[in-house]
Amino acid sequence: MGFPWWQALTAPLGVPAVFDADDAPALAASALRGGAQWVVCTQSGPTLETLIALAEICNGHVLTSRPCTLTLGRPPYNAYRIGQLSQYLAREN
């Protein structure tokens, strides 16, 4: 459904949202241009290099693999789970 749908779904949650574009760099680029801060794109080669350059311009980040599954549960969010996600995202900076 694309990034606009994902953004509408995750914006009210107040947690970092990671958009998974799988191996579709055009979808990842569209999400970055749309304001995504975190995008997963498993594509490699020159396409990935271009996507990373676009991410820098758009103040976003490209993850080349998916984060380990994290269960945040329902609010109030478990501080340990939020810490796990924050640590994972910090590794890519």
PDB file of N, CA and C in Angstrom:
ATOM      1  N   MET A   1       0.809  -1.198   0.000  1.00  0.00           N
ATOM      2  CA  MET A   1       0.000   0.000   0.000  1.00  0.00           C
ATOM      3  C   MET A   1       0.854   1.264   0.000  1.00  0.00           C
ATOM      4  N   GLY A   2       2.134   1.124   0.269  1.00  0.00           N
ATOM      5  CA  GLY A   2       3.026   2.261   0.168  1.00  0.00           C
ATOM      6  C   GLY A   2       3.198   3.037   1.457  1.00  0.00           C
ATOM      7  N   PHE A   3       4.079   4.011   1.381  1.00  0.00           N
ATOM      8  CA  PHE A   3       4.443   4.780   2.558  1.00  0.00           C
ATOM      9  C   PHE A   3       3.308   5.649   3.112  1.00  0.00           C
ATOM     10  N   PRO A   4       2.487   6.316   2.289  1.00  0.00           N
ATOM     11  CA  PRO A   4       1.410   7.131   2.879  1.00  0.00           C
ATOM     12  C   PRO A   4       0.494   6.315   3.797  1.00  0.00           C
ATOM     13  N   TRP A   5       0.191   5.088   3.383  1.00  0.00           N
ATOM     14  CA  TRP A   5      -0.631   4.227   4.230  1.00  0.00           C
ATOM     15  C   TRP A   5       0.106   3.889   5.526  1.00  0.00           C
ATOM     16  N   TRP A   6       1.386   3.510   5.414  1.00  0.00           N
ATOM     17  CA  TRP A   6       2.181   3.158   6.592  1.00  0.00           C
ATOM     18  C   TRP A   6       2.298   4.348   7.544  1.00  0.00           C
ATOM     19  N   GLN A   7       2.488   5.524   6.978  1.00  0.00           N
ATOM     20  CA  GLN A   7       2.603   6.729   7.790  1.00  0.00           C
ATOM     21  C   GLN A   7       1.299   7.005   8.535  1.00  0.00           C
ATOM     22  N   ALA A   8       0.181   6.879   7.873  1.00  0.00           N
ATOM     23  CA  ALA A   8      -1.115   7.096   8.522  1.00  0.00           C
ATOM     24  C   ALA A   8      -1.358   6.065   9.619  1.00  0.00           C
ATOM     25  N   LEU A   9      -0.886   4.857   9.404  1.00  0.00           N
ATOM     26  CA  LEU A   9      -1.072   3.791  10.382  1.00  0.00           C
ATOM     27  C   LEU A   9      -0.195   3.977  11.613  1.00  0.00           C
ATOM     28  N   THR A  10       1.048   4.410  11.421  1.00  0.00           N
ATOM     29  CA  THR A  10       2.005   4.446  12.527  1.00  0.00           C
ATOM     30  C   THR A  10       2.167   5.810  13.191  1.00  0.00           C
ATOM     31  N   ALA A  11       1.781   6.889  12.532  1.00  0.00           N
ATOM     32  CA  ALA A  11       1.984   8.238  13.095  1.00  0.00           C
ATOM     33  C   ALA A  11       1.388   8.415  14.488  1.00  0.00           C
ATOM     34  N   PRO A  12       0.166   7.939  14.753  1.00  0.00           N
ATOM     35  CA  PRO A  12      -0.418   8.161  16.085  1.00  0.00           C
ATOM     36  C   PRO A  12       0.263   7.382  17.212  1.00  0.00           C
ATOM     37  N   LEU A  13       1.115   6.409  16.879  1.00  0.00           N
ATOM     38  CA  LEU A  13       1.710   5.557  17.904  1.00  0.00           C
ATOM     39  C   LEU A  13       2.812   6.238  18.697  1.00  0.00           C
ATOM     40  N   GLY A  14       3.487   7.204  18.092  1.00  0.00           N
ATOM     41  CA  GLY A  14       4.549   7.908  18.807  1.00  0.00           C
ATOM     42  C   GLY A  14       5.801   7.081  19.015  1.00  0.00           C
ATOM     43  N   VAL A  15       6.026   6.068  18.192  1.00  0.00           N
ATOM     44  CA  VAL A  15       7.235   5.251  18.266  1.00  0.00           C
ATOM     45  C   VAL A  15       7.935   5.306  16.910  1.00  0.00           C
ATOM     46  N   PRO A  16       9.236   5.017  16.854  1.00  0.00           N
ATOM     47  CA  PRO A  16       9.908   5.010  15.554  1.00  0.00           C
ATOM     48  C   PRO A  16       9.259   3.998  14.614  1.00  0.00           C
ATOM     49  N   ALA A  17       8.956   4.416  13.402  1.00  0.00           N
ATOM     50  CA  ALA A  17       8.331   3.539  12.418  1.00  0.00           C
ATOM     51  C   ALA A  17       9.348   3.200  11.344  1.00  0.00           C
ATOM     52  N   VAL A  18       9.538   1.923  11.097  1.00  0.00           N
ATOM     53  CA  VAL A  18      10.482   1.457  10.092  1.00  0.00           C
ATOM     54  C   VAL A  18       9.662   0.967   8.895  1.00  0.00           C
ATOM     55  N   PHE A  19       9.835   1.634   7.750  1.00  0.00           N
ATOM     56  CA  PHE A  19       9.114   1.253   6.538  1.00  0.00           C
ATOM     57  C   PHE A  19       9.917   0.201   5.793  1.00  0.00           C
ATOM     58  N   ASP A  20       9.323  -0.957   5.546  1.00  0.00           N
ATOM     59  CA  ASP A  20      10.006  -2.063   4.882  1.00  0.00           C
ATOM     60  C   ASP A  20       9.663  -2.067   3.400  1.00  0.00           C
ATOM     61  N   ALA A  21      10.644  -1.703   2.577  1.00  0.00           N
ATOM     62  CA  ALA A  21      10.457  -1.692   1.131  1.00  0.00           C
ATOM     63  C   ALA A  21      10.964  -2.978   0.487  1.00  0.00           C
ATOM     64  N   ASP A  22      11.427  -3.927   1.289  1.00  0.00           N
ATOM     65  CA  ASP A  22      11.961  -5.201   0.815  1.00  0.00           C
ATOM     66  C   ASP A  22      13.080  -4.951  -0.195  1.00  0.00           C
ATOM     67  N   ASP A  23      12.954  -5.455  -1.415  1.00  0.00           N
ATOM     68  CA  ASP A  23      14.014  -5.239  -2.408  1.00  0.00           C
ATOM     69  C   ASP A  23      13.569  -4.271  -3.503  1.00  0.00           C
ATOM     70  N   ALA A  24      12.684  -3.333  -3.137  1.00  0.00           N
ATOM     71  CA  ALA A  24      12.151  -2.358  -4.092  1.00  0.00           C
ATOM     72  C   ALA A  24      12.726  -0.966  -3.809  1.00  0.00           C
ATOM     73  N   PRO A  25      13.855  -0.624  -4.428  1.00  0.00           N
ATOM     74  CA  PRO A  25      14.482   0.663  -4.144  1.00  0.00           C
ATOM     75  C   PRO A  25      13.617   1.862  -4.532  1.00  0.00           C
ATOM     76  N   ALA A  26      12.771   1.732  -5.548  1.00  0.00           N
ATOM     77  CA  ALA A  26      11.901   2.847  -5.931  1.00  0.00           C
ATOM     78  C   ALA A  26      10.888   3.123  -4.825  1.00  0.00           C
ATOM     79  N   LEU A  27      10.370   2.075  -4.202  1.00  0.00           N
ATOM     80  CA  LEU A  27       9.438   2.244  -3.084  1.00  0.00           C
ATOM     81  C   LEU A  27      10.154   2.863  -1.890  1.00  0.00           C
ATOM     82  N   ALA A  28      11.380   2.434  -1.639  1.00  0.00           N
ATOM     83  CA  ALA A  28      12.175   3.003  -0.547  1.00  0.00           C
ATOM     84  C   ALA A  28      12.457   4.478  -0.810  1.00  0.00           C
ATOM     85  N   ALA A  29      12.812   4.824  -2.040  1.00  0.00           N
ATOM     86  CA  ALA A  29      13.091   6.220  -2.398  1.00  0.00           C
ATOM     87  C   ALA A  29      11.846   7.072  -2.235  1.00  0.00           C
ATOM     88  N   SER A  30      10.714   6.544  -2.640  1.00  0.00           N
ATOM     89  CA  SER A  30       9.452   7.268  -2.491  1.00  0.00           C
ATOM     90  C   SER A  30       9.157   7.540  -1.012  1.00  0.00           C
ATOM     91  N   ALA A  31       9.409   6.558  -0.173  1.00  0.00           N
ATOM     92  CA  ALA A  31       9.187   6.729   1.266  1.00  0.00           C
ATOM     93  C   ALA A  31      10.124   7.782   1.845  1.00  0.00           C
ATOM     94  N   LEU A  32      11.377   7.764   1.445  1.00  0.00           N
ATOM     95  CA  LEU A  32      12.338   8.762   1.939  1.00  0.00           C
ATOM     96  C   LEU A  32      11.909  10.164   1.519  1.00  0.00           C
ATOM     97  N   ARG A  33      11.509  10.316   0.253  1.00  0.00           N
ATOM     98  CA  ARG A  33      11.045  11.623  -0.218  1.00  0.00           C
ATOM     99  C   ARG A  33       9.755  12.040   0.489  1.00  0.00           C
ATOM    100  N   GLY A  34       8.989  11.049   0.955  1.00  0.00           N
ATOM    101  CA  GLY A  34       7.747  11.335   1.665  1.00  0.00           C
ATOM    102  C   GLY A  34       7.933  11.631   3.142  1.00  0.00           C
ATOM    103  N   GLY A  35       9.171  11.521   3.632  1.00  0.00           N
ATOM    104  CA  GLY A  35       9.438  11.874   5.022  1.00  0.00           C
ATOM    105  C   GLY A  35       9.781  10.717   5.938  1.00  0.00           C
ATOM    106  N   ALA A  36       9.924   9.519   5.413  1.00  0.00           N
ATOM    107  CA  ALA A  36      10.297   8.376   6.256  1.00  0.00           C
ATOM    108  C   ALA A  36      11.693   8.589   6.829  1.00  0.00           C
ATOM    109  N   GLN A  37      11.844   8.302   8.108  1.00  0.00           N
ATOM    110  CA  GLN A  37      13.158   8.424   8.733  1.00  0.00           C
ATOM    111  C   GLN A  37      13.938   7.121   8.634  1.00  0.00           C
ATOM    112  N   TRP A  38      13.228   5.998   8.649  1.00  0.00           N
ATOM    113  CA  TRP A  38      13.864   4.686   8.625  1.00  0.00           C
ATOM    114  C   TRP A  38      13.222   3.843   7.538  1.00  0.00           C
ATOM    115  N   VAL A  39      14.050   3.329   6.624  1.00  0.00           N
ATOM    116  CA  VAL A  39      13.572   2.505   5.520  1.00  0.00           C
ATOM    117  C   VAL A  39      14.453   1.262   5.424  1.00  0.00           C
ATOM    118  N   VAL A  40      13.818   0.107   5.286  1.00  0.00           N
ATOM    119  CA  VAL A  40      14.551  -1.132   5.033  1.00  0.00           C
ATOM    120  C   VAL A  40      14.524  -1.374   3.540  1.00  0.00           C
ATOM    121  N   CYS A  41      15.705  -1.593   2.960  1.00  0.00           N
ATOM    122  CA  CYS A  41      15.804  -1.964   1.549  1.00  0.00           C
ATOM    123  C   CYS A  41      16.914  -3.000   1.429  1.00  0.00           C
ATOM    124  N   THR A  42      16.555  -4.195   0.993  1.00  0.00           N
ATOM    125  CA  THR A  42      17.517  -5.293   0.928  1.00  0.00           C
ATOM    126  C   THR A  42      18.243  -5.363  -0.413  1.00  0.00           C
ATOM    127  N   GLN A  43      17.998  -4.406  -1.284  1.00  0.00           N
ATOM    128  CA  GLN A  43      18.686  -4.327  -2.587  1.00  0.00           C
ATOM    129  C   GLN A  43      20.172  -4.051  -2.356  1.00  0.00           C
ATOM    130  N   SER A  44      21.008  -4.464  -3.279  1.00  0.00           N
ATOM    131  CA  SER A  44      22.438  -4.205  -3.136  1.00  0.00           C
ATOM    132  C   SER A  44      22.978  -3.548  -4.402  1.00  0.00           C
ATOM    133  N   GLY A  45      24.257  -3.203  -4.366  1.00  0.00           N
ATOM    134  CA  GLY A  45      24.911  -2.630  -5.531  1.00  0.00           C
ATOM    135  C   GLY A  45      24.718  -1.130  -5.654  1.00  0.00           C
ATOM    136  N   PRO A  46      24.867  -0.609  -6.864  1.00  0.00           N
ATOM    137  CA  PRO A  46      24.788   0.837  -7.088  1.00  0.00           C
ATOM    138  C   PRO A  46      23.445   1.445  -6.673  1.00  0.00           C
ATOM    139  N   THR A  47      22.397   0.652  -6.790  1.00  0.00           N
ATOM    140  CA  THR A  47      21.078   1.143  -6.393  1.00  0.00           C
ATOM    141  C   THR A  47      21.060   1.493  -4.912  1.00  0.00           C
ATOM    142  N   LEU A  48      21.668   0.651  -4.097  1.00  0.00           N
ATOM    143  CA  LEU A  48      21.715   0.904  -2.662  1.00  0.00           C
ATOM    144  C   LEU A  48      22.541   2.143  -2.359  1.00  0.00           C
ATOM    145  N   GLU A  49      23.651   2.314  -3.060  1.00  0.00           N
ATOM    146  CA  GLU A  49      24.485   3.504  -2.858  1.00  0.00           C
ATOM    147  C   GLU A  49      23.697   4.777  -3.167  1.00  0.00           C
ATOM    148  N   THR A  50      22.931   4.754  -4.233  1.00  0.00           N
ATOM    149  CA  THR A  50      22.100   5.904  -4.601  1.00  0.00           C
ATOM    150  C   THR A  50      21.041   6.156  -3.547  1.00  0.00           C
ATOM    151  N   LEU A  51      20.439   5.087  -3.046  1.00  0.00           N
ATOM    152  CA  LEU A  51      19.408   5.211  -2.022  1.00  0.00           C
ATOM    153  C   LEU A  51      19.977   5.796  -0.733  1.00  0.00           C
ATOM    154  N   ILE A  52      21.168   5.388  -0.353  1.00  0.00           N
ATOM    155  CA  ILE A  52      21.815   5.920   0.849  1.00  0.00           C
ATOM    156  C   ILE A  52      22.116   7.406   0.670  1.00  0.00           C
ATOM    157  N   ALA A  53      22.547   7.789  -0.521  1.00  0.00           N
ATOM    158  CA  ALA A  53      22.791   9.219  -0.795  1.00  0.00           C
ATOM    159  C   ALA A  53      21.491  10.012  -0.703  1.00  0.00           C
ATOM    160  N   LEU A  54      20.405   9.458  -1.221  1.00  0.00           N
ATOM    161  CA  LEU A  54      19.104  10.122  -1.122  1.00  0.00           C
ATOM    162  C   LEU A  54      18.678  10.239   0.333  1.00  0.00           C
ATOM    163  N   ALA A  55      18.921   9.205   1.116  1.00  0.00           N
ATOM    164  CA  ALA A  55      18.559   9.224   2.539  1.00  0.00           C
ATOM    165  C   ALA A  55      19.262  10.363   3.261  1.00  0.00           C
ATOM    166  N   GLU A  56      20.525  10.596   2.939  1.00  0.00           N
ATOM    167  CA  GLU A  56      21.267  11.700   3.566  1.00  0.00           C
ATOM    168  C   GLU A  56      20.631  13.045   3.215  1.00  0.00           C
ATOM    169  N   ILE A  57      20.229  13.197   1.969  1.00  0.00           N
ATOM    170  CA  ILE A  57      19.585  14.444   1.537  1.00  0.00           C
ATOM    171  C   ILE A  57      18.244  14.632   2.252  1.00  0.00           C
ATOM    172  N   CYS A  58      17.533  13.533   2.462  1.00  0.00           N
ATOM    173  CA  CYS A  58      16.188  13.592   3.058  1.00  0.00           C
ATOM    174  C   CYS A  58      16.200  13.439   4.579  1.00  0.00           C
ATOM    175  N   ASN A  59      17.383  13.424   5.188  1.00  0.00           N
ATOM    176  CA  ASN A  59      17.509  13.223   6.638  1.00  0.00           C
ATOM    177  C   ASN A  59      16.892  11.905   7.088  1.00  0.00           C
ATOM    178  N   GLY A  60      17.098  10.875   6.302  1.00  0.00           N
ATOM    179  CA  GLY A  60      16.601   9.546   6.631  1.00  0.00           C
ATOM    180  C   GLY A  60      17.737   8.557   6.739  1.00  0.00           C
ATOM    181  N   HIS A  61      17.380   7.307   6.993  1.00  0.00           N
ATOM    182  CA  HIS A  61      18.367   6.239   7.155  1.00  0.00           C
ATOM    183  C   HIS A  61      17.881   5.010   6.402  1.00  0.00           C
ATOM    184  N   VAL A  62      18.817   4.313   5.787  1.00  0.00           N
ATOM    185  CA  VAL A  62      18.502   3.069   5.092  1.00  0.00           C
ATOM    186  C   VAL A  62      19.092   1.916   5.879  1.00  0.00           C
ATOM    187  N   LEU A  63      18.250   0.959   6.233  1.00  0.00           N
ATOM    188  CA  LEU A  63      18.690  -0.260   6.895  1.00  0.00           C
ATOM    189  C   LEU A  63      18.768  -1.343   5.831  1.00  0.00           C
ATOM    190  N   THR A  64      19.850  -2.097   5.787  1.00  0.00           N
ATOM    191  CA  THR A  64      20.019  -3.124   4.767  1.00  0.00           C
ATOM    192  C   THR A  64      19.504  -4.487   5.208  1.00  0.00           C
ATOM    193  N   SER A  65      19.028  -4.561   6.432  1.00  0.00           N
ATOM    194  CA  SER A  65      18.388  -5.785   6.934  1.00  0.00           C
ATOM    195  C   SER A  65      17.273  -5.371   7.883  1.00  0.00           C
ATOM    196  N   ARG A  66      16.369  -6.274   8.088  1.00  0.00           N
ATOM    197  CA  ARG A  66      15.239  -5.979   8.967  1.00  0.00           C
ATOM    198  C   ARG A  66      15.655  -6.094  10.433  1.00  0.00           C
ATOM    199  N   PRO A  67      15.092  -5.234  11.279  1.00  0.00           N
ATOM    200  CA  PRO A  67      15.367  -5.374  12.717  1.00  0.00           C
ATOM    201  C   PRO A  67      14.832  -6.714  13.218  1.00  0.00           C
ATOM    202  N   CYS A  68      15.447  -7.218  14.259  1.00  0.00           N
ATOM    203  CA  CYS A  68      14.902  -8.411  14.904  1.00  0.00           C
ATOM    204  C   CYS A  68      13.490  -8.092  15.354  1.00  0.00           C
ATOM    205  N   THR A  69      12.666  -9.089  15.396  1.00  0.00           N
ATOM    206  CA  THR A  69      11.282  -8.866  15.795  1.00  0.00           C
ATOM    207  C   THR A  69      11.234  -8.345  17.219  1.00  0.00           C
ATOM    208  N   LEU A  70      10.534  -7.253  17.395  1.00  0.00           N
ATOM    209  CA  LEU A  70      10.357  -6.668  18.715  1.00  0.00           C
ATOM    210  C   LEU A  70       8.866  -6.539  18.992  1.00  0.00           C
ATOM    211  N   THR A  71       8.450  -6.946  20.164  1.00  0.00           N
ATOM    212  CA  THR A  71       7.062  -6.793  20.553  1.00  0.00           C
ATOM    213  C   THR A  71       6.987  -5.629  21.522  1.00  0.00           C
ATOM    214  N   LEU A  72       6.403  -4.542  21.064  1.00  0.00           N
ATOM    215  CA  LEU A  72       6.278  -3.384  21.937  1.00  0.00           C
ATOM    216  C   LEU A  72       5.056  -3.509  22.832  1.00  0.00           C
ATOM    217  N   GLY A  73       4.088  -4.295  22.431  1.00  0.00           N
ATOM    218  CA  GLY A  73       2.882  -4.453  23.238  1.00  0.00           C
ATOM    219  C   GLY A  73       2.001  -3.224  23.175  1.00  0.00           C
ATOM    220  N   ARG A  74       1.117  -3.115  24.118  1.00  0.00           N
ATOM    221  CA  ARG A  74       0.201  -1.980  24.161  1.00  0.00           C
ATOM    222  C   ARG A  74       0.707  -0.927  25.133  1.00  0.00           C
ATOM    223  N   PRO A  75       0.297   0.319  24.912  1.00  0.00           N
ATOM    224  CA  PRO A  75       0.720   1.383  25.838  1.00  0.00           C
ATOM    225  C   PRO A  75       0.268   1.051  27.258  1.00  0.00           C
ATOM    226  N   PRO A  76       1.019   1.406  28.265  1.00  0.00           N
ATOM    227  CA  PRO A  76       2.328   2.040  28.208  1.00  0.00           C
ATOM    228  C   PRO A  76       3.364   1.024  27.736  1.00  0.00           C
ATOM    229  N   TYR A  77       4.259   1.456  26.852  1.00  0.00           N
ATOM    230  CA  TYR A  77       5.224   0.552  26.257  1.00  0.00           C
ATOM    231  C   TYR A  77       6.293   0.161  27.262  1.00  0.00           C
ATOM    232  N   ASN A  78       6.669  -1.083  27.206  1.00  0.00           N
ATOM    233  CA  ASN A  78       7.704  -1.620  28.066  1.00  0.00           C
ATOM    234  C   ASN A  78       9.018  -0.911  27.746  1.00  0.00           C
ATOM    235  N   ALA A  79       9.627  -0.302  28.746  1.00  0.00           N
ATOM    236  CA  ALA A  79      10.860   0.467  28.551  1.00  0.00           C
ATOM    237  C   ALA A  79      11.977  -0.405  27.982  1.00  0.00           C
ATOM    238  N   TYR A  80      12.027  -1.662  28.344  1.00  0.00           N
ATOM    239  CA  TYR A  80      13.059  -2.565  27.832  1.00  0.00           C
ATOM    240  C   TYR A  80      12.922  -2.737  26.316  1.00  0.00           C
ATOM    241  N   ARG A  81      11.687  -2.932  25.843  1.00  0.00           N
ATOM    242  CA  ARG A  81      11.455  -3.114  24.403  1.00  0.00           C
ATOM    243  C   ARG A  81      11.780  -1.837  23.628  1.00  0.00           C
ATOM    244  N   ILE A  82      11.398  -0.699  24.153  1.00  0.00           N
ATOM    245  CA  ILE A  82      11.717   0.580  23.503  1.00  0.00           C
ATOM    246  C   ILE A  82      13.235   0.751  23.456  1.00  0.00           C
ATOM    247  N   GLY A  83      13.918   0.372  24.515  1.00  0.00           N
ATOM    248  CA  GLY A  83      15.378   0.454  24.556  1.00  0.00           C
ATOM    249  C   GLY A  83      16.022  -0.436  23.510  1.00  0.00           C
ATOM    250  N   GLN A  84      15.481  -1.645  23.314  1.00  0.00           N
ATOM    251  CA  GLN A  84      16.003  -2.546  22.294  1.00  0.00           C
ATOM    252  C   GLN A  84      15.900  -1.924  20.905  1.00  0.00           C
ATOM    253  N   LEU A  85      14.746  -1.371  20.590  1.00  0.00           N
ATOM    254  CA  LEU A  85      14.542  -0.757  19.284  1.00  0.00           C
ATOM    255  C   LEU A  85      15.461   0.453  19.117  1.00  0.00           C
ATOM    256  N   SER A  86      15.595   1.258  20.148  1.00  0.00           N
ATOM    257  CA  SER A  86      16.474   2.432  20.080  1.00  0.00           C
ATOM    258  C   SER A  86      17.920   2.028  19.845  1.00  0.00           C
ATOM    259  N   GLN A  87      18.371   0.969  20.503  1.00  0.00           N
ATOM    260  CA  GLN A  87      19.742   0.496  20.317  1.00  0.00           C
ATOM    261  C   GLN A  87      19.958  -0.001  18.899  1.00  0.00           C
ATOM    262  N   TYR A  88      18.970  -0.710  18.347  1.00  0.00           N
ATOM    263  CA  TYR A  88      19.106  -1.209  16.986  1.00  0.00           C
ATOM    264  C   TYR A  88      19.212  -0.047  15.999  1.00  0.00           C
ATOM    265  N   LEU A  89      18.347   0.934  16.159  1.00  0.00           N
ATOM    266  CA  LEU A  89      18.349   2.069  15.241  1.00  0.00           C
ATOM    267  C   LEU A  89      19.628   2.901  15.388  1.00  0.00           C
ATOM    268  N   ALA A  90      20.170   3.001  16.587  1.00  0.00           N
ATOM    269  CA  ALA A  90      21.384   3.771  16.826  1.00  0.00           C
ATOM    270  C   ALA A  90      22.595   3.149  16.136  1.00  0.00           C
ATOM    271  N   ARG A  91      22.596   1.842  15.940  1.00  0.00           N
ATOM    272  CA  ARG A  91      23.731   1.162  15.288  1.00  0.00           C
ATOM    273  C   ARG A  91      23.896   1.607  13.845  1.00  0.00           C
ATOM    274  N   GLU A  92      22.834   2.038  13.202  1.00  0.00           N
ATOM    275  CA  GLU A  92      22.877   2.387  11.787  1.00  0.00           C
ATOM    276  C   GLU A  92      23.294   3.838  11.568  1.00  0.00           C
ATOM    277  N   ASN A  93      23.399   4.639  12.615  1.00  0.00           N
ATOM    278  CA  ASN A  93      23.752   6.058  12.435  1.00  0.00           C
ATOM    279  C   ASN A  93      25.171   6.241  12.001  1.00  0.00           C
TER     280      ASN A  93
END
